[in-house]
Each structure stands twice: as structure tokens, then as C-alpha cells.
Amino acid sequence: MNNMTTGQRIASRRKLANLSQEEISQELGVSRQAVSKWESDAGLPDIDNLITLSKRFGVSVGWLLGAEKDPAFDP
């Protein structure tokens, strides 16, 4: 498993989906600043937002948190 932080994982999946912080914040109903804090590891999304992010990006919550390996993203 690579050493990416949760914030780096969120940012990488968001960028892969060609979404801005503003766009993902609108989908989640949070501020752009909240997304920025998550991506800079200054905070973590709550469980509901983690679940929504995992579904949106097609990864597990465990992968977003760095607790699980995903063969598609962690060769």
C-alpha cells in the first residue's frame, strides 16, 4: 500500500474525475473550504461524506482512509 494520506487520496480521486473542489463541495453540500481542509489533511470528512466520496469515486471508505489496499489504485 502506498503512503498517501487521506487528503491526498481524496484529491487524487477528485482530479481523476475532473472535478474542482467547488464542484465536489456542491455535490456533498459542504463548503469548498471544507474540501480544501480535507485535501490538506487539516480535517477529515464525517462518515456520511466519506461514504458519499467512496461511492462517487468507486473506492472503499477503507481505501480513502488508508486502511485497505485497492488493486486498481495500489498496484
Protein backbone atom coordinates (compact mmCIF):
# COMPACT_ATOMS: atom_id res chain seq x y z
CA MET A 1 0.00 0.00 0.00
CA ASN A 2 1.38 3.39 -0.81
CA ASN A 3 1.85 6.11 1.78
CA MET A 4 -0.72 8.60 0.53
CA THR A 5 -2.66 10.48 3.18
CA THR A 6 -6.44 10.56 3.24
CA GLY A 7 -6.33 14.08 1.86
CA GLN A 8 -4.05 13.03 -0.98
CA ARG A 9 -6.36 10.13 -1.79
CA ILE A 10 -9.41 12.42 -1.91
CA ALA A 11 -7.57 14.96 -4.07
CA SER A 12 -6.26 12.30 -6.46
CA ARG A 13 -9.70 10.76 -6.98
CA ARG A 14 -11.31 14.20 -7.39
CA LYS A 15 -8.75 15.20 -10.01
CA LEU A 16 -9.11 11.85 -11.79
CA ALA A 17 -12.85 12.58 -12.02
CA ASN A 18 -12.05 16.03 -13.47
CA LEU A 19 -13.88 17.79 -10.66
CA SER A 20 -12.96 21.04 -8.96
CA GLN A 21 -13.10 21.46 -5.21
CA GLU A 22 -16.13 23.68 -5.78
CA GLU A 23 -17.93 21.01 -7.81
CA ILE A 24 -17.37 18.23 -5.28
CA SER A 25 -18.31 20.56 -2.42
CA GLN A 26 -21.63 21.31 -4.14
CA GLU A 27 -22.29 17.58 -4.63
CA LEU A 28 -21.66 16.98 -0.92
CA GLY A 29 -23.40 20.10 0.35
CA VAL A 30 -20.29 21.40 2.12
CA SER A 31 -18.11 24.46 1.58
CA ARG A 32 -15.18 24.48 -0.81
CA GLN A 33 -13.06 25.33 2.22
CA ALA A 34 -14.13 22.06 3.86
CA VAL A 35 -12.90 20.11 0.83
CA SER A 36 -9.67 22.11 0.88
CA LYS A 37 -9.16 21.23 4.57
CA TRP A 38 -9.73 17.54 3.85
CA GLU A 39 -7.27 17.57 0.96
CA SER A 40 -4.63 19.37 3.01
CA ASP A 41 -5.15 16.92 5.90
CA ALA A 42 -6.31 19.72 8.21
CA GLY A 43 -9.53 17.78 8.82
CA LEU A 44 -11.43 14.66 7.85
CA PRO A 45 -14.85 14.31 6.23
CA ASP A 46 -17.56 12.94 8.51
CA ILE A 47 -18.67 9.36 7.92
CA ASP A 48 -21.59 10.35 5.69
CA ASN A 49 -19.30 12.36 3.42
CA LEU A 50 -16.70 9.56 3.42
CA ILE A 51 -19.38 7.14 2.25
CA THR A 52 -20.57 9.57 -0.44
CA LEU A 53 -16.98 10.17 -1.62
CA SER A 54 -16.26 6.45 -1.75
CA LYS A 55 -19.35 5.81 -3.88
CA ARG A 56 -18.66 8.82 -6.10
CA PHE A 57 -15.07 7.75 -6.72
CA GLY A 58 -15.67 3.99 -6.83
CA VAL A 59 -13.35 3.17 -3.93
CA SER A 60 -13.93 1.85 -0.43
CA VAL A 61 -14.05 4.04 2.66
CA GLY A 62 -11.18 1.91 3.94
CA TRP A 63 -9.10 2.84 0.91
CA LEU A 64 -9.84 6.54 1.37
CA LEU A 65 -8.68 6.25 4.99
CA GLY A 66 -5.57 4.30 4.01
CA ALA A 67 -6.65 1.15 5.86
CA GLU A 68 -7.23 -1.03 2.79
CA LYS A 69 -5.39 -1.72 -0.41
CA ASP A 70 -7.29 -1.38 -3.66
CA PRO A 71 -5.63 -3.28 -6.51
CA ALA A 72 -6.92 -0.74 -9.03
CA PHE A 73 -5.12 2.10 -7.26
CA ASP A 74 -2.36 0.46 -5.21
CA PRO A 75 -0.52 -1.96 -7.52
